[in-house]
């Protein structure tokens, strides 16, 4: 096997929207990020409970992302995937609904699963058909509501033992990126970048993902 085949692929960026947005001002900010940084996937992660508002936002954000060949998932609302022309869903209940959602969406849609700090939940989700498993947070536990912080060793173990791609999410810092390197397949970036004083593009570049 050649050295190139031995070298793991560099991690990719999984962009996550803020929980609340003003669409008129957020859309151009998102477009700038998509134009200036290579993004693998965008997750629509809105706390909005009005389905019409979610649909309007998703229509606009999907058009921006798909025009740049960026896949789009939506958090939790799997029944909106097909009618809105999205690429998949990000589930927040570990492995509990993967089978049912796969039956609903079919084999071609992305199903990702948030598993927090649980290796067992991640393994179960992968075994029953999740396309990726997300672990975290790695700092600031309150940001994702678990009260726990994930050990970076979880991601390292996963990359060595499990083929299903992993996502490191929550409290992503340059130090964590330097520690994990290529162990994570994706880094999910949301709160870390949108509120950065120098803007989201500068925040992403400061993480040194390309030098991981």
N, C-alpha and C. Protein backbone atom coordinates (compact mmCIF):
# COMPACT_ATOMS: atom_id res chain seq x y z
N UNK A 1 0.85 -1.19 0.00
CA UNK A 1 0.00 0.00 0.00
C UNK A 1 0.89 1.24 0.00
N UNK A 2 0.54 2.23 -0.81
CA UNK A 2 1.35 3.44 -0.92
C UNK A 2 1.16 4.33 0.28
N UNK A 3 2.08 5.30 0.45
CA UNK A 3 1.96 6.26 1.54
C UNK A 3 0.68 7.07 1.39
N UNK A 4 0.29 7.38 0.15
CA UNK A 4 -0.93 8.16 -0.08
C UNK A 4 -2.14 7.41 0.44
N UNK A 5 -2.15 6.09 0.24
CA UNK A 5 -3.29 5.29 0.70
C UNK A 5 -3.30 5.18 2.22
N UNK A 6 -2.11 5.27 2.84
CA UNK A 6 -2.03 5.19 4.29
C UNK A 6 -2.47 6.48 4.97
N UNK A 7 -2.38 7.59 4.26
CA UNK A 7 -2.67 8.89 4.85
C UNK A 7 -4.18 9.12 4.89
N UNK A 8 -4.74 9.39 6.07
CA UNK A 8 -6.17 9.63 6.15
C UNK A 8 -6.55 10.93 5.46
N UNK A 9 -7.82 11.01 5.02
CA UNK A 9 -8.30 12.23 4.40
C UNK A 9 -8.37 13.34 5.43
N UNK A 10 -8.10 14.57 5.03
CA UNK A 10 -8.18 15.68 5.98
C UNK A 10 -9.62 15.87 6.45
N UNK A 11 -9.81 16.39 7.66
CA UNK A 11 -11.17 16.61 8.14
C UNK A 11 -11.88 17.67 7.32
N UNK A 12 -13.21 17.54 7.26
CA UNK A 12 -14.03 18.49 6.53
C UNK A 12 -14.87 19.31 7.50
N UNK A 13 -15.39 20.42 7.01
CA UNK A 13 -16.17 21.31 7.85
C UNK A 13 -17.66 21.07 7.64
N UNK A 14 -18.34 20.87 8.75
CA UNK A 14 -19.80 20.70 8.76
C UNK A 14 -20.35 21.95 9.44
N UNK A 15 -20.90 22.85 8.65
CA UNK A 15 -21.35 24.13 9.15
C UNK A 15 -22.75 24.00 9.75
N UNK A 16 -22.96 24.63 10.91
CA UNK A 16 -24.24 24.55 11.61
C UNK A 16 -24.79 25.97 11.80
N UNK A 17 -26.04 26.19 11.42
CA UNK A 17 -26.61 27.52 11.58
C UNK A 17 -26.82 27.85 13.06
N UNK A 18 -26.92 29.13 13.39
CA UNK A 18 -27.33 29.49 14.75
C UNK A 18 -28.76 29.00 14.99
N UNK A 19 -29.17 28.86 16.26
CA UNK A 19 -30.54 28.41 16.54
C UNK A 19 -31.60 29.43 16.14
N UNK A 20 -31.21 30.69 16.09
CA UNK A 20 -32.13 31.75 15.66
C UNK A 20 -31.42 32.65 14.69
N UNK A 21 -32.09 32.96 13.60
CA UNK A 21 -31.50 33.83 12.59
C UNK A 21 -32.51 34.86 12.11
N UNK A 22 -32.01 35.97 11.61
CA UNK A 22 -32.81 36.91 10.83
C UNK A 22 -32.40 36.65 9.40
N UNK A 23 -33.29 36.07 8.64
CA UNK A 23 -32.91 35.50 7.35
C UNK A 23 -32.29 36.55 6.42
N UNK A 24 -32.82 37.76 6.43
CA UNK A 24 -32.31 38.78 5.52
C UNK A 24 -30.86 39.12 5.76
N UNK A 25 -30.41 39.08 7.01
CA UNK A 25 -29.01 39.40 7.30
C UNK A 25 -28.13 38.16 7.35
N UNK A 26 -28.72 37.02 7.71
CA UNK A 26 -27.91 35.82 7.82
C UNK A 26 -27.56 35.24 6.45
N UNK A 27 -28.47 35.28 5.50
CA UNK A 27 -28.22 34.68 4.19
C UNK A 27 -26.95 35.22 3.53
N UNK A 28 -26.72 36.53 3.49
CA UNK A 28 -25.46 36.99 2.87
C UNK A 28 -24.23 36.60 3.67
N UNK A 29 -24.34 36.51 5.01
CA UNK A 29 -23.19 36.06 5.82
C UNK A 29 -22.86 34.61 5.47
N UNK A 30 -23.90 33.79 5.34
CA UNK A 30 -23.68 32.40 4.97
C UNK A 30 -23.06 32.30 3.58
N UNK A 31 -23.58 33.08 2.64
CA UNK A 31 -23.05 33.03 1.27
C UNK A 31 -21.57 33.37 1.26
N UNK A 32 -21.16 34.35 2.07
CA UNK A 32 -19.75 34.72 2.13
C UNK A 32 -18.89 33.55 2.62
N UNK A 33 -19.37 32.88 3.66
CA UNK A 33 -18.62 31.73 4.19
C UNK A 33 -18.51 30.65 3.12
N UNK A 34 -19.61 30.33 2.47
CA UNK A 34 -19.61 29.27 1.46
C UNK A 34 -18.70 29.62 0.28
N UNK A 35 -18.58 30.91 -0.02
CA UNK A 35 -17.74 31.33 -1.13
C UNK A 35 -16.25 31.35 -0.78
N UNK A 36 -15.94 31.49 0.51
CA UNK A 36 -14.54 31.70 0.90
C UNK A 36 -13.90 30.51 1.62
N UNK A 37 -14.73 29.58 2.06
CA UNK A 37 -14.22 28.42 2.80
C UNK A 37 -14.85 27.16 2.20
N UNK A 38 -14.06 26.10 2.10
CA UNK A 38 -14.60 24.84 1.59
C UNK A 38 -15.44 24.16 2.67
N UNK A 39 -16.74 24.04 2.42
CA UNK A 39 -17.68 23.47 3.37
C UNK A 39 -18.25 22.18 2.78
N UNK A 40 -18.28 21.12 3.58
CA UNK A 40 -18.80 19.84 3.09
C UNK A 40 -20.32 19.76 3.21
N UNK A 41 -20.85 20.30 4.29
CA UNK A 41 -22.28 20.16 4.55
C UNK A 41 -22.74 21.31 5.43
N UNK A 42 -23.99 21.70 5.24
CA UNK A 42 -24.64 22.72 6.06
C UNK A 42 -25.80 22.08 6.80
N UNK A 43 -25.87 22.32 8.11
CA UNK A 43 -27.01 21.83 8.88
C UNK A 43 -27.90 23.00 9.29
N UNK A 44 -29.17 22.90 8.96
CA UNK A 44 -30.16 23.88 9.40
C UNK A 44 -30.60 23.47 10.79
N UNK A 45 -30.21 24.25 11.78
CA UNK A 45 -30.42 23.88 13.18
C UNK A 45 -31.15 25.02 13.89
N UNK A 46 -32.42 25.20 13.54
CA UNK A 46 -33.20 26.32 14.04
C UNK A 46 -34.07 25.90 15.21
N UNK A 47 -34.13 26.76 16.21
CA UNK A 47 -34.99 26.52 17.36
C UNK A 47 -36.42 26.97 17.09
N UNK A 48 -36.66 27.56 15.95
CA UNK A 48 -37.98 28.04 15.57
C UNK A 48 -39.00 26.89 15.58
N UNK A 49 -40.15 27.13 16.19
CA UNK A 49 -41.17 26.08 16.26
C UNK A 49 -42.24 26.24 15.18
N UNK A 50 -42.27 27.37 14.52
CA UNK A 50 -43.25 27.60 13.45
C UNK A 50 -42.72 26.92 12.18
N UNK A 51 -43.46 25.91 11.72
CA UNK A 51 -42.98 25.15 10.56
C UNK A 51 -42.87 26.01 9.32
N UNK A 52 -43.79 26.97 9.15
CA UNK A 52 -43.71 27.84 7.97
C UNK A 52 -42.42 28.65 7.97
N UNK A 53 -42.00 29.11 9.17
CA UNK A 53 -40.75 29.86 9.26
C UNK A 53 -39.56 28.97 8.93
N UNK A 54 -39.60 27.74 9.42
CA UNK A 54 -38.52 26.80 9.12
C UNK A 54 -38.45 26.53 7.62
N UNK A 55 -39.61 26.35 7.01
CA UNK A 55 -39.64 26.09 5.57
C UNK A 55 -39.06 27.26 4.77
N UNK A 56 -39.45 28.48 5.14
CA UNK A 56 -38.95 29.65 4.42
C UNK A 56 -37.44 29.77 4.55
N UNK A 57 -36.95 29.58 5.77
CA UNK A 57 -35.51 29.66 5.98
C UNK A 57 -34.80 28.55 5.22
N UNK A 58 -35.33 27.35 5.30
CA UNK A 58 -34.68 26.20 4.65
C UNK A 58 -34.64 26.37 3.14
N UNK A 59 -35.69 26.93 2.55
CA UNK A 59 -35.70 27.15 1.10
C UNK A 59 -34.55 28.06 0.68
N UNK A 60 -34.38 29.15 1.41
CA UNK A 60 -33.33 30.11 1.07
C UNK A 60 -31.94 29.53 1.29
N UNK A 61 -31.74 28.89 2.44
CA UNK A 61 -30.41 28.36 2.76
C UNK A 61 -30.04 27.19 1.85
N UNK A 62 -31.03 26.37 1.51
CA UNK A 62 -30.77 25.26 0.58
C UNK A 62 -30.31 25.78 -0.77
N UNK A 63 -30.97 26.81 -1.28
CA UNK A 63 -30.58 27.36 -2.58
C UNK A 63 -29.14 27.88 -2.55
N UNK A 64 -28.79 28.57 -1.48
CA UNK A 64 -27.42 29.08 -1.36
C UNK A 64 -26.40 27.94 -1.33
N UNK A 65 -26.71 26.91 -0.56
CA UNK A 65 -25.76 25.80 -0.41
C UNK A 65 -25.68 24.94 -1.67
N UNK A 66 -26.82 24.56 -2.20
CA UNK A 66 -26.82 23.69 -3.38
C UNK A 66 -26.18 24.38 -4.58
N UNK A 67 -26.30 25.70 -4.68
CA UNK A 67 -25.67 26.42 -5.78
C UNK A 67 -24.16 26.30 -5.72
N UNK A 68 -23.64 25.96 -4.54
CA UNK A 68 -22.20 25.81 -4.34
C UNK A 68 -21.82 24.35 -4.07
N UNK A 69 -22.71 23.43 -4.43
CA UNK A 69 -22.48 21.99 -4.29
C UNK A 69 -22.21 21.58 -2.84
N UNK A 70 -22.91 22.21 -1.91
CA UNK A 70 -22.81 21.88 -0.49
C UNK A 70 -24.09 21.16 -0.08
N UNK A 71 -23.94 19.98 0.52
CA UNK A 71 -25.11 19.22 0.98
C UNK A 71 -25.78 19.94 2.15
N UNK A 72 -27.07 19.69 2.33
CA UNK A 72 -27.83 20.36 3.39
C UNK A 72 -28.63 19.33 4.17
N UNK A 73 -28.46 19.35 5.49
CA UNK A 73 -29.29 18.54 6.38
C UNK A 73 -30.11 19.47 7.27
N UNK A 74 -31.10 18.90 7.92
CA UNK A 74 -31.90 19.66 8.87
C UNK A 74 -31.95 18.89 10.18
N UNK A 75 -31.91 19.62 11.27
CA UNK A 75 -31.92 18.97 12.58
C UNK A 75 -33.34 18.53 12.94
N UNK A 76 -33.49 17.25 13.24
CA UNK A 76 -34.71 16.65 13.82
C UNK A 76 -35.87 16.50 12.85
N UNK A 77 -36.16 17.52 12.04
CA UNK A 77 -37.40 17.55 11.25
C UNK A 77 -37.27 16.68 9.98
N UNK A 78 -37.21 15.38 10.17
CA UNK A 78 -36.95 14.49 9.02
C UNK A 78 -38.08 14.50 8.01
N UNK A 79 -39.28 14.82 8.44
CA UNK A 79 -40.40 14.84 7.49
C UNK A 79 -40.35 16.03 6.54
N UNK A 80 -39.47 16.97 6.80
CA UNK A 80 -39.30 18.11 5.89
C UNK A 80 -38.21 17.87 4.85
N UNK A 81 -37.47 16.78 4.99
CA UNK A 81 -36.34 16.54 4.09
C UNK A 81 -36.79 16.44 2.64
N UNK A 82 -37.72 15.57 2.35
CA UNK A 82 -38.14 15.38 0.96
C UNK A 82 -38.88 16.58 0.40
N UNK A 83 -39.91 17.11 1.10
CA UNK A 83 -40.63 18.25 0.51
C UNK A 83 -39.76 19.49 0.30
N UNK A 84 -38.70 19.65 1.08
CA UNK A 84 -37.84 20.82 0.93
C UNK A 84 -36.61 20.55 0.07
N UNK A 85 -36.48 19.32 -0.43
CA UNK A 85 -35.36 18.99 -1.29
C UNK A 85 -34.02 19.01 -0.58
N UNK A 86 -34.02 18.60 0.69
CA UNK A 86 -32.78 18.56 1.47
C UNK A 86 -32.09 17.21 1.29
N UNK A 87 -30.86 17.14 1.75
CA UNK A 87 -30.07 15.92 1.55
C UNK A 87 -30.18 14.93 2.70
N UNK A 88 -30.66 15.39 3.86
CA UNK A 88 -30.77 14.46 4.97
C UNK A 88 -31.16 15.14 6.26
N UNK A 89 -31.00 14.39 7.35
CA UNK A 89 -31.44 14.85 8.67
C UNK A 89 -30.36 14.55 9.70
N UNK A 90 -30.31 15.39 10.71
CA UNK A 90 -29.43 15.18 11.86
C UNK A 90 -30.34 14.90 13.05
N UNK A 91 -30.30 13.68 13.56
CA UNK A 91 -31.16 13.27 14.67
C UNK A 91 -30.47 13.53 16.00
N UNK A 92 -31.27 13.92 16.99
CA UNK A 92 -30.72 14.28 18.30
C UNK A 92 -31.01 13.23 19.36
N UNK A 93 -31.53 12.09 18.98
CA UNK A 93 -31.94 11.08 19.97
C UNK A 93 -31.11 9.81 19.89
N UNK A 94 -29.82 9.97 19.58
CA UNK A 94 -28.90 8.83 19.48
C UNK A 94 -29.46 7.83 18.47
N UNK A 95 -29.53 6.55 18.84
CA UNK A 95 -29.92 5.53 17.87
C UNK A 95 -31.42 5.23 17.86
N UNK A 96 -32.18 5.91 18.68
CA UNK A 96 -33.56 5.49 18.90
C UNK A 96 -34.45 5.52 17.66
N UNK A 97 -34.25 6.50 16.79
CA UNK A 97 -35.18 6.62 15.66
C UNK A 97 -34.54 6.35 14.31
N UNK A 98 -33.29 5.88 14.29
CA UNK A 98 -32.60 5.69 13.02
C UNK A 98 -33.36 4.75 12.09
N UNK A 99 -33.79 3.60 12.60
CA UNK A 99 -34.47 2.63 11.73
C UNK A 99 -35.74 3.21 11.12
N UNK A 100 -36.56 3.85 11.95
CA UNK A 100 -37.82 4.40 11.45
C UNK A 100 -37.58 5.52 10.44
N UNK A 101 -36.60 6.36 10.72
CA UNK A 101 -36.32 7.46 9.80
C UNK A 101 -35.74 6.93 8.49
N UNK A 102 -34.93 5.88 8.55
CA UNK A 102 -34.40 5.29 7.32
C UNK A 102 -35.53 4.73 6.46
N UNK A 103 -36.50 4.10 7.09
CA UNK A 103 -37.66 3.59 6.33
C UNK A 103 -38.41 4.74 5.66
N UNK A 104 -38.50 5.86 6.37
CA UNK A 104 -39.22 7.02 5.85
C UNK A 104 -38.46 7.69 4.70
N UNK A 105 -37.15 7.83 4.84
CA UNK A 105 -36.38 8.61 3.87
C UNK A 105 -35.74 7.77 2.76
N UNK A 106 -35.61 6.46 2.99
CA UNK A 106 -34.99 5.62 1.99
C UNK A 106 -33.48 5.60 2.12
N UNK A 107 -32.81 4.86 1.24
CA UNK A 107 -31.37 4.61 1.39
C UNK A 107 -30.47 5.76 0.96
N UNK A 108 -30.98 6.73 0.21
CA UNK A 108 -30.11 7.72 -0.40
C UNK A 108 -29.96 9.01 0.40
N UNK A 109 -30.78 9.20 1.41
CA UNK A 109 -30.68 10.42 2.22
C UNK A 109 -29.67 10.22 3.36
N UNK A 110 -29.05 11.31 3.75
CA UNK A 110 -28.10 11.29 4.86
C UNK A 110 -28.87 11.21 6.18
N UNK A 111 -28.46 10.29 7.05
CA UNK A 111 -28.97 10.26 8.42
C UNK A 111 -27.78 10.33 9.36
N UNK A 112 -27.66 11.45 10.04
CA UNK A 112 -26.62 11.62 11.04
C UNK A 112 -27.22 11.59 12.42
N UNK A 113 -26.40 11.24 13.40
CA UNK A 113 -26.92 11.02 14.76
C UNK A 113 -26.01 11.68 15.78
N UNK A 114 -26.60 12.45 16.68
CA UNK A 114 -25.88 13.03 17.81
C UNK A 114 -25.86 12.02 18.94
N UNK A 115 -24.69 11.64 19.39
CA UNK A 115 -24.55 10.64 20.45
C UNK A 115 -23.83 11.16 21.69
N UNK A 116 -23.60 12.46 21.74
CA UNK A 116 -23.01 13.05 22.94
C UNK A 116 -21.67 12.44 23.31
N UNK A 117 -21.61 11.89 24.51
CA UNK A 117 -20.36 11.30 25.00
C UNK A 117 -20.40 9.77 25.02
N UNK A 118 -21.43 9.18 24.40
CA UNK A 118 -21.67 7.75 24.53
C UNK A 118 -21.10 6.94 23.37
N UNK A 119 -20.06 6.17 23.64
CA UNK A 119 -19.52 5.25 22.64
C UNK A 119 -20.55 4.21 22.27
N UNK A 120 -21.27 3.69 23.27
CA UNK A 120 -22.28 2.65 23.01
C UNK A 120 -23.36 3.16 22.07
N UNK A 121 -23.87 4.37 22.33
CA UNK A 121 -24.90 4.92 21.45
C UNK A 121 -24.37 5.09 20.03
N UNK A 122 -23.12 5.53 19.92
CA UNK A 122 -22.53 5.69 18.60
C UNK A 122 -22.42 4.37 17.86
N UNK A 123 -21.96 3.34 18.55
CA UNK A 123 -21.82 2.03 17.91
C UNK A 123 -23.17 1.49 17.47
N UNK A 124 -24.19 1.66 18.31
CA UNK A 124 -25.53 1.19 17.97
C UNK A 124 -26.04 1.93 16.74
N UNK A 125 -25.88 3.25 16.72
CA UNK A 125 -26.34 4.04 15.58
C UNK A 125 -25.64 3.62 14.29
N UNK A 126 -24.34 3.39 14.38
CA UNK A 126 -23.59 2.97 13.19
C UNK A 126 -24.04 1.61 12.70
N UNK A 127 -24.29 0.70 13.62
CA UNK A 127 -24.69 -0.66 13.26
C UNK A 127 -26.03 -0.69 12.55
N UNK A 128 -26.93 0.23 12.89
CA UNK A 128 -28.27 0.18 12.29
C UNK A 128 -28.44 1.18 11.15
N UNK A 129 -27.33 1.76 10.69
CA UNK A 129 -27.41 2.48 9.43
C UNK A 129 -27.19 3.97 9.43
N UNK A 130 -26.71 4.56 10.52
CA UNK A 130 -26.40 5.99 10.49
C UNK A 130 -25.24 6.25 9.54
N UNK A 131 -25.29 7.35 8.84
CA UNK A 131 -24.23 7.70 7.90
C UNK A 131 -23.06 8.39 8.58
N UNK A 132 -23.32 9.02 9.70
CA UNK A 132 -22.24 9.57 10.53
C UNK A 132 -22.74 9.64 11.96
N UNK A 133 -21.78 9.74 12.88
CA UNK A 133 -22.09 9.85 14.31
C UNK A 133 -21.34 11.06 14.85
N UNK A 134 -22.06 11.90 15.59
CA UNK A 134 -21.46 13.11 16.16
C UNK A 134 -21.26 12.94 17.66
N UNK A 135 -20.07 13.32 18.12
CA UNK A 135 -19.75 13.27 19.55
C UNK A 135 -19.36 14.66 20.05
N UNK A 136 -19.62 14.90 21.34
CA UNK A 136 -19.26 16.17 21.95
C UNK A 136 -20.22 16.47 23.10
N UNK A 137 -20.14 17.65 23.66
CA UNK A 137 -19.19 18.71 23.37
C UNK A 137 -17.84 18.44 24.03
N UNK A 138 -16.82 19.12 23.55
CA UNK A 138 -15.48 18.91 24.07
C UNK A 138 -15.06 20.01 25.04
N UNK A 139 -15.90 21.01 25.16
CA UNK A 139 -15.78 22.04 26.20
C UNK A 139 -17.12 22.75 26.24
N UNK A 140 -17.30 23.62 27.21
CA UNK A 140 -18.55 24.36 27.32
C UNK A 140 -19.76 23.42 27.26
N UNK A 141 -19.90 22.50 28.21
CA UNK A 141 -20.97 21.51 28.13
C UNK A 141 -22.37 22.09 28.08
N UNK A 142 -22.57 23.27 28.65
CA UNK A 142 -23.91 23.84 28.63
C UNK A 142 -24.41 24.17 27.24
N UNK A 143 -23.46 24.34 26.28
CA UNK A 143 -23.85 24.73 24.94
C UNK A 143 -24.72 23.70 24.27
N UNK A 144 -24.56 22.44 24.61
CA UNK A 144 -25.37 21.39 24.00
C UNK A 144 -26.23 20.66 25.03
N UNK A 145 -26.31 21.22 26.22
CA UNK A 145 -27.31 20.77 27.19
C UNK A 145 -27.10 19.45 27.86
N UNK A 146 -25.91 18.86 27.78
CA UNK A 146 -25.73 17.53 28.36
C UNK A 146 -25.15 17.57 29.76
N UNK A 147 -24.41 18.63 30.05
CA UNK A 147 -23.73 18.70 31.33
C UNK A 147 -22.47 17.85 31.38
N UNK A 148 -22.09 17.22 30.27
CA UNK A 148 -20.91 16.38 30.22
C UNK A 148 -19.99 16.86 29.10
N UNK A 149 -18.71 16.55 29.24
CA UNK A 149 -17.73 16.88 28.22
C UNK A 149 -17.15 15.59 27.67
N UNK A 150 -17.07 15.49 26.34
CA UNK A 150 -16.54 14.30 25.70
C UNK A 150 -15.01 14.26 25.80
N UNK A 151 -14.48 13.07 25.91
CA UNK A 151 -13.03 12.86 25.94
C UNK A 151 -12.54 12.76 24.49
N UNK A 152 -11.54 13.52 24.10
CA UNK A 152 -11.00 13.40 22.74
C UNK A 152 -10.59 11.97 22.39
N UNK A 153 -10.25 11.17 23.39
CA UNK A 153 -9.90 9.78 23.11
C UNK A 153 -11.04 9.01 22.47
N UNK A 154 -12.28 9.45 22.70
CA UNK A 154 -13.42 8.80 22.07
C UNK A 154 -13.33 8.91 20.55
N UNK A 155 -13.00 10.08 20.07
CA UNK A 155 -12.86 10.27 18.62
C UNK A 155 -11.67 9.47 18.08
N UNK A 156 -10.57 9.49 18.81
CA UNK A 156 -9.40 8.73 18.35
C UNK A 156 -9.69 7.24 18.29
N UNK A 157 -10.35 6.71 19.31
CA UNK A 157 -10.72 5.29 19.32
C UNK A 157 -11.64 4.99 18.15
N UNK A 158 -12.62 5.85 17.95
CA UNK A 158 -13.60 5.64 16.88
C UNK A 158 -12.91 5.56 15.52
N UNK A 159 -11.98 6.46 15.27
CA UNK A 159 -11.32 6.49 13.96
C UNK A 159 -10.51 5.23 13.71
N UNK A 160 -10.04 4.60 14.77
CA UNK A 160 -9.25 3.38 14.62
C UNK A 160 -10.11 2.13 14.49
N UNK A 161 -11.31 2.14 15.09
CA UNK A 161 -12.10 0.92 15.20
C UNK A 161 -13.34 0.88 14.33
N UNK A 162 -13.91 2.04 13.97
CA UNK A 162 -15.22 2.09 13.31
C UNK A 162 -15.10 2.81 11.98
N UNK A 163 -15.73 2.26 10.94
CA UNK A 163 -15.65 2.87 9.61
C UNK A 163 -16.60 4.05 9.44
N UNK A 164 -17.73 4.05 10.14
CA UNK A 164 -18.70 5.14 10.01
C UNK A 164 -18.03 6.46 10.38
N UNK A 165 -18.17 7.49 9.54
CA UNK A 165 -17.51 8.76 9.82
C UNK A 165 -17.94 9.38 11.15
N UNK A 166 -17.00 10.10 11.77
CA UNK A 166 -17.29 10.78 13.03
C UNK A 166 -17.29 12.29 12.84
N UNK A 167 -18.10 12.95 13.67
CA UNK A 167 -18.16 14.41 13.70
C UNK A 167 -17.81 14.85 15.11
N UNK A 168 -16.85 15.73 15.24
CA UNK A 168 -16.55 16.36 16.53
C UNK A 168 -17.35 17.66 16.59
N UNK A 169 -18.12 17.82 17.64
CA UNK A 169 -19.03 18.98 17.69
C UNK A 169 -19.13 19.53 19.11
N UNK A 170 -19.07 20.85 19.20
CA UNK A 170 -19.26 21.52 20.48
C UNK A 170 -17.95 21.87 21.14
N UNK A 171 -17.69 23.17 21.28
CA UNK A 171 -16.46 23.59 21.92
C UNK A 171 -15.22 23.29 21.11
N UNK A 172 -15.31 23.45 19.79
CA UNK A 172 -14.15 23.18 18.94
C UNK A 172 -13.18 24.36 19.04
N UNK A 173 -11.95 24.06 19.42
CA UNK A 173 -10.91 25.07 19.59
C UNK A 173 -9.68 24.70 18.77
N UNK A 174 -8.77 25.65 18.53
CA UNK A 174 -7.53 25.30 17.83
C UNK A 174 -6.76 24.21 18.57
N UNK A 175 -6.81 24.24 19.90
CA UNK A 175 -6.10 23.24 20.68
C UNK A 175 -6.69 21.84 20.46
N UNK A 176 -8.03 21.76 20.41
CA UNK A 176 -8.67 20.47 20.17
C UNK A 176 -8.34 19.96 18.77
N UNK A 177 -8.40 20.85 17.78
CA UNK A 177 -8.07 20.46 16.41
C UNK A 177 -6.64 19.94 16.33
N UNK A 178 -5.72 20.63 17.01
CA UNK A 178 -4.32 20.18 17.01
C UNK A 178 -4.19 18.81 17.68
N UNK A 179 -5.00 18.57 18.72
CA UNK A 179 -4.93 17.31 19.45
C UNK A 179 -5.53 16.16 18.64
N UNK A 180 -6.69 16.41 18.02
CA UNK A 180 -7.38 15.34 17.30
C UNK A 180 -6.84 15.15 15.88
N UNK A 181 -6.39 16.22 15.27
CA UNK A 181 -5.86 16.12 13.92
C UNK A 181 -6.86 15.50 12.96
N UNK A 182 -6.41 14.46 12.25
CA UNK A 182 -7.24 13.81 11.25
C UNK A 182 -8.14 12.72 11.85
N UNK A 183 -8.16 12.57 13.16
CA UNK A 183 -8.99 11.52 13.76
C UNK A 183 -10.46 11.76 13.49
N UNK A 184 -10.89 13.03 13.55
CA UNK A 184 -12.28 13.36 13.25
C UNK A 184 -12.44 13.51 11.74
N UNK A 185 -13.50 12.93 11.21
CA UNK A 185 -13.77 13.09 9.77
C UNK A 185 -14.34 14.47 9.47
N UNK A 186 -15.12 14.99 10.42
CA UNK A 186 -15.73 16.31 10.27
C UNK A 186 -15.61 17.07 11.59
N UNK A 187 -15.49 18.39 11.47
CA UNK A 187 -15.65 19.28 12.62
C UNK A 187 -16.90 20.11 12.38
N UNK A 188 -17.88 20.00 13.29
CA UNK A 188 -19.11 20.79 13.18
C UNK A 188 -18.87 22.13 13.85
N UNK A 189 -19.08 23.20 13.11
CA UNK A 189 -18.81 24.55 13.60
C UNK A 189 -20.09 25.37 13.58
N UNK A 190 -20.46 25.89 14.74
CA UNK A 190 -21.65 26.72 14.85
C UNK A 190 -21.38 27.91 15.75
N UNK A 191 -21.65 27.73 17.04
CA UNK A 191 -21.46 28.82 18.00
C UNK A 191 -20.02 29.34 18.00
N UNK A 192 -19.07 28.46 17.66
CA UNK A 192 -17.65 28.87 17.67
C UNK A 192 -17.36 29.98 16.67
N UNK A 193 -18.16 30.09 15.62
CA UNK A 193 -17.80 31.01 14.54
C UNK A 193 -18.76 32.18 14.35
N UNK A 194 -20.06 31.97 14.56
CA UNK A 194 -21.02 33.00 14.18
C UNK A 194 -20.90 34.26 15.05
N UNK A 195 -20.48 34.10 16.29
CA UNK A 195 -20.34 35.25 17.17
C UNK A 195 -18.93 35.79 17.27
N UNK A 196 -18.03 35.29 16.46
CA UNK A 196 -16.63 35.71 16.54
C UNK A 196 -16.50 37.18 16.15
N UNK A 197 -15.73 37.96 16.91
CA UNK A 197 -15.63 39.40 16.62
C UNK A 197 -15.05 39.72 15.25
N UNK A 198 -14.24 38.82 14.70
CA UNK A 198 -13.65 39.05 13.39
C UNK A 198 -14.44 38.40 12.26
N UNK A 199 -15.59 37.82 12.60
CA UNK A 199 -16.43 37.21 11.58
C UNK A 199 -16.20 35.72 11.43
N UNK A 200 -17.15 35.01 10.82
CA UNK A 200 -17.06 33.54 10.74
C UNK A 200 -15.91 33.02 9.89
N UNK A 201 -15.55 33.70 8.82
CA UNK A 201 -14.45 33.22 7.98
C UNK A 201 -13.14 33.26 8.74
N UNK A 202 -12.90 34.36 9.43
CA UNK A 202 -11.68 34.47 10.24
C UNK A 202 -11.68 33.43 11.35
N UNK A 203 -12.84 33.20 11.94
CA UNK A 203 -12.94 32.21 13.02
C UNK A 203 -12.60 30.81 12.52
N UNK A 204 -13.09 30.46 11.35
CA UNK A 204 -12.80 29.14 10.78
C UNK A 204 -11.31 29.01 10.49
N UNK A 205 -10.73 30.04 9.90
CA UNK A 205 -9.31 29.98 9.56
C UNK A 205 -8.44 29.89 10.81
N UNK A 206 -8.89 30.52 11.91
CA UNK A 206 -8.12 30.50 13.14
C UNK A 206 -8.06 29.11 13.76
N UNK A 207 -8.99 28.24 13.38
CA UNK A 207 -8.98 26.87 13.92
C UNK A 207 -7.89 26.00 13.30
N UNK A 208 -7.30 26.47 12.21
CA UNK A 208 -6.18 25.74 11.58
C UNK A 208 -6.57 24.32 11.17
N UNK A 209 -7.77 24.18 10.63
CA UNK A 209 -8.23 22.84 10.24
C UNK A 209 -7.36 22.24 9.15
N UNK A 210 -6.88 23.07 8.23
CA UNK A 210 -6.07 22.53 7.14
C UNK A 210 -4.71 22.03 7.62
N UNK A 211 -4.31 22.51 8.79
CA UNK A 211 -3.01 22.08 9.33
C UNK A 211 -3.19 20.99 10.39
N UNK A 212 -4.40 20.44 10.49
CA UNK A 212 -4.68 19.46 11.53
C UNK A 212 -3.74 18.28 11.48
